[in-house]
Amino acid sequence: MGIFTSQNKSLQELPKPSSIDIGVIRGSDLGEIESHNSFSISEPNVKKKIFVKMDHYREAIDIVEKIKEKIKDIDRLVSDMQRMKTQEDEYLAKWHSEMEHVKTKLNKMDEILYDIENE
């Protein structure tokens, strides 16, 4: 049973669109009408709720947890690298100091040998 079955007119009895006389539209001079946009609608600052399927929510929570674990791993790696760099810098400074000490001794030996040779 259709929604408009109470109407007794069939489609063939209805007038064709071209036979309807619309006439002249009064007030067709729309150029005189000014548009007034003086009103403003202010939307309240209300937090809107977002509904997400539970499957997607659980998946998002799992992804966030995995990201947190990766960040912790990266943080540990960076800390280890900083510790290693500090240790390397200490070794390099020690080696540089030892090398300077050896240079000093070598220069003294060179002076002694030069003095012996010139006597």
N, C-alpha and C. Protein backbone atom coordinates (compact mmCIF):
# COMPACT_ATOMS: atom_id res chain seq x y z
N MET A 1 0.84 -1.17 0.00
CA MET A 1 0.00 0.00 0.00
C MET A 1 0.89 1.24 0.00
N GLY A 2 0.68 2.14 -0.93
CA GLY A 2 1.52 3.32 -1.06
C GLY A 2 1.14 4.42 -0.09
N ILE A 3 1.97 5.39 0.02
CA ILE A 3 1.74 6.49 0.95
C ILE A 3 0.63 7.40 0.45
N PHE A 4 0.60 7.65 -0.85
CA PHE A 4 -0.35 8.60 -1.41
C PHE A 4 -1.50 7.89 -2.13
N THR A 5 -1.95 6.80 -1.65
CA THR A 5 -3.01 6.06 -2.32
C THR A 5 -4.38 6.66 -2.08
N SER A 6 -4.48 7.61 -1.13
CA SER A 6 -5.79 8.20 -0.85
C SER A 6 -6.19 9.19 -1.92
N GLN A 7 -5.25 9.66 -2.73
CA GLN A 7 -5.60 10.59 -3.81
C GLN A 7 -6.21 9.79 -4.95
N ASN A 8 -7.30 10.30 -5.45
CA ASN A 8 -8.03 9.59 -6.50
C ASN A 8 -7.55 9.97 -7.89
N LYS A 9 -6.78 11.03 -8.02
CA LYS A 9 -6.34 11.46 -9.35
C LYS A 9 -5.20 10.57 -9.81
N SER A 10 -5.22 10.19 -11.01
CA SER A 10 -4.11 9.43 -11.57
C SER A 10 -3.17 10.41 -12.26
N LEU A 11 -2.02 9.94 -12.66
CA LEU A 11 -1.03 10.80 -13.30
C LEU A 11 -1.53 11.35 -14.63
N GLN A 12 -2.41 10.66 -15.30
CA GLN A 12 -2.88 11.13 -16.60
C GLN A 12 -3.84 12.30 -16.45
N GLU A 13 -4.52 12.45 -15.34
CA GLU A 13 -5.47 13.52 -15.14
C GLU A 13 -4.81 14.83 -14.73
N LEU A 14 -3.54 14.77 -14.29
CA LEU A 14 -2.85 15.98 -13.84
C LEU A 14 -2.49 16.84 -15.04
N PRO A 15 -2.53 18.18 -14.88
CA PRO A 15 -2.18 19.05 -16.00
C PRO A 15 -0.68 18.98 -16.28
N LYS A 16 -0.36 19.16 -17.53
CA LYS A 16 1.04 19.16 -17.93
C LYS A 16 1.69 20.45 -17.45
N PRO A 17 3.00 20.42 -17.14
CA PRO A 17 3.67 21.60 -16.60
C PRO A 17 3.60 22.81 -17.52
N SER A 18 3.58 22.63 -18.82
CA SER A 18 3.56 23.77 -19.73
C SER A 18 2.19 24.44 -19.75
N SER A 19 1.15 23.76 -19.35
CA SER A 19 -0.19 24.35 -19.39
C SER A 19 -0.51 25.16 -18.14
N ILE A 20 0.37 25.16 -17.14
CA ILE A 20 0.13 25.93 -15.93
C ILE A 20 0.59 27.35 -16.19
N ASP A 21 -0.30 28.34 -15.95
CA ASP A 21 0.04 29.74 -16.17
C ASP A 21 0.60 30.32 -14.88
N ILE A 22 1.89 30.61 -14.89
CA ILE A 22 2.54 31.17 -13.70
C ILE A 22 2.27 32.66 -13.61
N GLY A 23 2.21 33.32 -14.71
CA GLY A 23 1.96 34.75 -14.72
C GLY A 23 3.23 35.53 -14.40
N VAL A 24 3.06 36.80 -14.24
CA VAL A 24 4.19 37.67 -13.94
C VAL A 24 4.41 37.67 -12.43
N ILE A 25 5.64 37.50 -12.03
CA ILE A 25 5.96 37.50 -10.62
C ILE A 25 6.04 38.95 -10.15
N ARG A 26 5.21 39.26 -9.15
CA ARG A 26 5.21 40.63 -8.63
C ARG A 26 6.49 40.87 -7.83
N GLY A 27 6.95 42.08 -7.86
CA GLY A 27 8.16 42.42 -7.11
C GLY A 27 9.39 41.76 -7.70
N SER A 28 9.41 41.61 -9.02
CA SER A 28 10.53 40.94 -9.66
C SER A 28 11.78 41.80 -9.69
N ASP A 29 11.66 43.06 -9.27
CA ASP A 29 12.83 43.93 -9.23
C ASP A 29 13.59 43.66 -7.93
N LEU A 30 14.39 42.62 -7.93
CA LEU A 30 15.10 42.19 -6.74
C LEU A 30 16.36 43.00 -6.49
N GLY A 31 16.73 43.88 -7.40
CA GLY A 31 17.92 44.70 -7.23
C GLY A 31 17.79 45.69 -6.09
N GLU A 32 16.56 46.04 -5.74
CA GLU A 32 16.34 47.02 -4.68
C GLU A 32 16.51 46.42 -3.29
N ILE A 33 16.47 45.12 -3.20
CA ILE A 33 16.56 44.47 -1.90
C ILE A 33 18.01 44.45 -1.45
N GLU A 34 18.23 44.96 -0.26
CA GLU A 34 19.57 44.96 0.31
C GLU A 34 19.72 43.76 1.22
N SER A 35 20.87 43.19 1.17
CA SER A 35 21.10 42.06 2.07
C SER A 35 21.71 42.58 3.35
N HIS A 36 21.15 42.19 4.45
CA HIS A 36 21.65 42.60 5.76
C HIS A 36 22.25 41.39 6.45
N ASN A 37 23.53 41.46 6.69
CA ASN A 37 24.23 40.39 7.40
C ASN A 37 24.69 40.90 8.76
N SER A 38 23.80 41.57 9.45
CA SER A 38 24.18 42.17 10.72
C SER A 38 24.09 41.21 11.90
N PHE A 39 23.56 40.05 11.67
CA PHE A 39 23.46 39.10 12.78
C PHE A 39 24.61 38.12 12.72
N SER A 40 24.99 37.65 13.87
CA SER A 40 26.05 36.65 13.93
C SER A 40 25.63 35.56 14.89
N ILE A 41 25.97 34.38 14.52
CA ILE A 41 25.63 33.24 15.36
C ILE A 41 26.90 32.82 16.08
N SER A 42 26.84 32.86 17.37
CA SER A 42 28.02 32.43 18.13
C SER A 42 27.78 31.02 18.62
N GLU A 43 28.75 30.17 18.30
CA GLU A 43 28.64 28.78 18.72
C GLU A 43 29.27 28.64 20.09
N PRO A 44 28.58 28.01 20.99
CA PRO A 44 29.17 27.83 22.32
C PRO A 44 30.38 26.90 22.24
N ASN A 45 31.35 27.15 23.09
CA ASN A 45 32.55 26.32 23.13
C ASN A 45 32.26 25.08 23.95
N VAL A 46 31.63 24.15 23.31
CA VAL A 46 31.27 22.90 23.97
C VAL A 46 32.07 21.79 23.33
N LYS A 47 32.68 20.99 24.16
CA LYS A 47 33.41 19.85 23.62
C LYS A 47 32.40 18.83 23.11
N LYS A 48 32.58 18.48 21.86
CA LYS A 48 31.67 17.51 21.27
C LYS A 48 32.22 16.12 21.48
N LYS A 49 31.34 15.21 21.72
CA LYS A 49 31.75 13.83 21.93
C LYS A 49 31.96 13.15 20.58
N ILE A 50 32.96 12.33 20.54
CA ILE A 50 33.25 11.57 19.33
C ILE A 50 32.98 10.11 19.65
N PHE A 51 32.19 9.51 18.83
CA PHE A 51 31.87 8.11 19.03
C PHE A 51 32.69 7.28 18.04
N VAL A 52 33.40 6.32 18.59
CA VAL A 52 34.26 5.47 17.79
C VAL A 52 33.88 4.03 18.08
N LYS A 53 33.95 3.20 17.06
CA LYS A 53 33.66 1.79 17.29
C LYS A 53 34.66 1.23 18.28
N MET A 54 34.20 0.35 19.12
CA MET A 54 35.04 -0.20 20.18
C MET A 54 36.27 -0.91 19.61
N ASP A 55 36.12 -1.58 18.47
CA ASP A 55 37.27 -2.25 17.84
C ASP A 55 38.35 -1.23 17.50
N HIS A 56 37.95 -0.12 16.92
CA HIS A 56 38.91 0.91 16.53
C HIS A 56 39.52 1.57 17.76
N TYR A 57 38.75 1.73 18.81
CA TYR A 57 39.26 2.32 20.04
C TYR A 57 40.33 1.43 20.65
N ARG A 58 40.05 0.16 20.75
CA ARG A 58 41.03 -0.78 21.31
C ARG A 58 42.30 -0.79 20.45
N GLU A 59 42.10 -0.77 19.14
CA GLU A 59 43.25 -0.77 18.23
C GLU A 59 44.08 0.50 18.42
N ALA A 60 43.41 1.63 18.57
CA ALA A 60 44.12 2.90 18.78
C ALA A 60 44.88 2.88 20.11
N ILE A 61 44.27 2.34 21.16
CA ILE A 61 44.94 2.25 22.46
C ILE A 61 46.17 1.35 22.35
N ASP A 62 46.04 0.23 21.65
CA ASP A 62 47.18 -0.68 21.46
C ASP A 62 48.32 0.01 20.71
N ILE A 63 47.97 0.76 19.68
CA ILE A 63 48.99 1.47 18.89
C ILE A 63 49.69 2.52 19.75
N VAL A 64 48.93 3.24 20.56
CA VAL A 64 49.53 4.25 21.44
C VAL A 64 50.49 3.59 22.43
N GLU A 65 50.11 2.45 22.98
CA GLU A 65 50.98 1.73 23.92
C GLU A 65 52.26 1.26 23.23
N LYS A 66 52.14 0.77 22.00
CA LYS A 66 53.33 0.35 21.26
C LYS A 66 54.26 1.53 20.99
N ILE A 67 53.67 2.68 20.67
CA ILE A 67 54.48 3.88 20.42
C ILE A 67 55.21 4.28 21.70
N LYS A 68 54.52 4.21 22.83
CA LYS A 68 55.16 4.55 24.11
C LYS A 68 56.34 3.62 24.39
N GLU A 69 56.17 2.32 24.11
CA GLU A 69 57.27 1.36 24.31
C GLU A 69 58.45 1.69 23.41
N LYS A 70 58.17 2.02 22.15
CA LYS A 70 59.24 2.37 21.21
C LYS A 70 59.98 3.63 21.68
N ILE A 71 59.24 4.60 22.20
CA ILE A 71 59.87 5.83 22.68
C ILE A 71 60.78 5.52 23.87
N LYS A 72 60.33 4.63 24.76
CA LYS A 72 61.18 4.23 25.89
C LYS A 72 62.45 3.55 25.39
N ASP A 73 62.31 2.67 24.38
CA ASP A 73 63.48 2.00 23.81
C ASP A 73 64.45 3.02 23.21
N ILE A 74 63.92 3.96 22.47
CA ILE A 74 64.76 4.99 21.85
C ILE A 74 65.44 5.83 22.91
N ASP A 75 64.70 6.16 23.97
CA ASP A 75 65.28 6.95 25.06
C ASP A 75 66.44 6.20 25.71
N ARG A 76 66.27 4.89 25.92
CA ARG A 76 67.35 4.07 26.47
C ARG A 76 68.56 4.06 25.53
N LEU A 77 68.30 3.91 24.24
CA LEU A 77 69.40 3.89 23.27
C LEU A 77 70.16 5.21 23.25
N VAL A 78 69.43 6.31 23.28
CA VAL A 78 70.08 7.62 23.28
C VAL A 78 70.92 7.80 24.55
N SER A 79 70.38 7.36 25.68
CA SER A 79 71.14 7.44 26.94
C SER A 79 72.41 6.60 26.86
N ASP A 80 72.30 5.39 26.31
CA ASP A 80 73.47 4.53 26.15
C ASP A 80 74.50 5.17 25.22
N MET A 81 74.03 5.77 24.14
CA MET A 81 74.94 6.42 23.20
C MET A 81 75.64 7.61 23.85
N GLN A 82 74.92 8.37 24.65
CA GLN A 82 75.54 9.50 25.35
C GLN A 82 76.60 9.00 26.34
N ARG A 83 76.28 7.93 27.05
CA ARG A 83 77.23 7.35 28.00
C ARG A 83 78.48 6.87 27.26
N MET A 84 78.27 6.18 26.13
CA MET A 84 79.40 5.69 25.34
C MET A 84 80.24 6.85 24.81
N LYS A 85 79.59 7.90 24.35
CA LYS A 85 80.32 9.06 23.82
C LYS A 85 81.14 9.71 24.93
N THR A 86 80.55 9.84 26.11
CA THR A 86 81.30 10.41 27.24
C THR A 86 82.51 9.55 27.56
N GLN A 87 82.31 8.24 27.55
CA GLN A 87 83.41 7.31 27.83
C GLN A 87 84.49 7.43 26.76
N GLU A 88 84.07 7.52 25.49
CA GLU A 88 85.04 7.68 24.40
C GLU A 88 85.81 8.98 24.55
N ASP A 89 85.11 10.06 24.90
CA ASP A 89 85.78 11.35 25.09
C ASP A 89 86.82 11.27 26.21
N GLU A 90 86.46 10.55 27.28
CA GLU A 90 87.42 10.38 28.38
C GLU A 90 88.65 9.60 27.91
N TYR A 91 88.43 8.52 27.16
CA TYR A 91 89.56 7.73 26.64
C TYR A 91 90.43 8.58 25.71
N LEU A 92 89.78 9.35 24.82
CA LEU A 92 90.55 10.19 23.90
C LEU A 92 91.36 11.23 24.65
N ALA A 93 90.76 11.83 25.67
CA ALA A 93 91.49 12.82 26.46
C ALA A 93 92.68 12.17 27.16
N LYS A 94 92.49 10.96 27.69
CA LYS A 94 93.58 10.24 28.36
C LYS A 94 94.69 9.91 27.36
N TRP A 95 94.30 9.42 26.17
CA TRP A 95 95.29 9.08 25.16
C TRP A 95 96.06 10.33 24.71
N HIS A 96 95.33 11.43 24.56
CA HIS A 96 95.97 12.68 24.16
C HIS A 96 96.98 13.12 25.23
N SER A 97 96.59 13.00 26.48
CA SER A 97 97.49 13.36 27.58
C SER A 97 98.73 12.47 27.58
N GLU A 98 98.55 11.17 27.39
CA GLU A 98 99.69 10.24 27.34
C GLU A 98 100.59 10.54 26.15
N MET A 99 99.97 10.88 25.02
CA MET A 99 100.75 11.21 23.84
C MET A 99 101.58 12.47 24.08
N GLU A 100 101.02 13.46 24.72
CA GLU A 100 101.76 14.68 25.03
C GLU A 100 102.91 14.37 26.00
N HIS A 101 102.66 13.47 26.94
CA HIS A 101 103.71 13.06 27.88
C HIS A 101 104.86 12.36 27.13
N VAL A 102 104.51 11.49 26.19
CA VAL A 102 105.53 10.80 25.38
C VAL A 102 106.29 11.81 24.53
N LYS A 103 105.61 12.79 23.96
CA LYS A 103 106.28 13.82 23.15
C LYS A 103 107.28 14.60 24.01
N THR A 104 106.87 14.93 25.21
CA THR A 104 107.77 15.66 26.10
C THR A 104 109.02 14.84 26.40
N LYS A 105 108.85 13.57 26.71
CA LYS A 105 110.00 12.69 26.98
C LYS A 105 110.88 12.55 25.74
N LEU A 106 110.25 12.42 24.59
CA LEU A 106 111.00 12.29 23.34
C LEU A 106 111.81 13.56 23.06
N ASN A 107 111.22 14.71 23.30
CA ASN A 107 111.95 15.97 23.11
C ASN A 107 113.14 16.06 24.06
N LYS A 108 112.98 15.63 25.31
CA LYS A 108 114.09 15.63 26.27
C LYS A 108 115.20 14.69 25.81
N MET A 109 114.80 13.51 25.34
CA MET A 109 115.79 12.55 24.84
C MET A 109 116.52 13.13 23.64
N ASP A 110 115.78 13.80 22.77
CA ASP A 110 116.38 14.40 21.58
C ASP A 110 117.38 15.48 21.99
N GLU A 111 117.02 16.30 22.97
CA GLU A 111 117.94 17.33 23.45
C GLU A 111 119.21 16.71 24.05
N ILE A 112 119.03 15.65 24.85
CA ILE A 112 120.19 14.99 25.46
C ILE A 112 121.09 14.40 24.38
N LEU A 113 120.51 13.73 23.42
CA LEU A 113 121.30 13.14 22.34
C LEU A 113 121.98 14.22 21.50
N TYR A 114 121.32 15.31 21.26
CA TYR A 114 121.91 16.40 20.49
C TYR A 114 123.08 17.01 21.27
N ASP A 115 122.88 17.17 22.58
CA ASP A 115 123.96 17.72 23.41
C ASP A 115 125.17 16.78 23.44
N ILE A 116 124.93 15.49 23.53
CA ILE A 116 126.03 14.52 23.55
C ILE A 116 126.76 14.55 22.21
N GLU A 117 126.03 14.66 21.16
CA GLU A 117 126.62 14.65 19.82
C GLU A 117 127.46 15.90 19.60
N ASN A 118 127.08 17.01 20.15
CA ASN A 118 127.79 18.28 19.95
C ASN A 118 128.94 18.46 20.94
N GLU A 119 129.18 17.61 21.86
CA GLU A 119 130.28 17.77 22.81
C GLU A 119 131.58 17.40 22.22
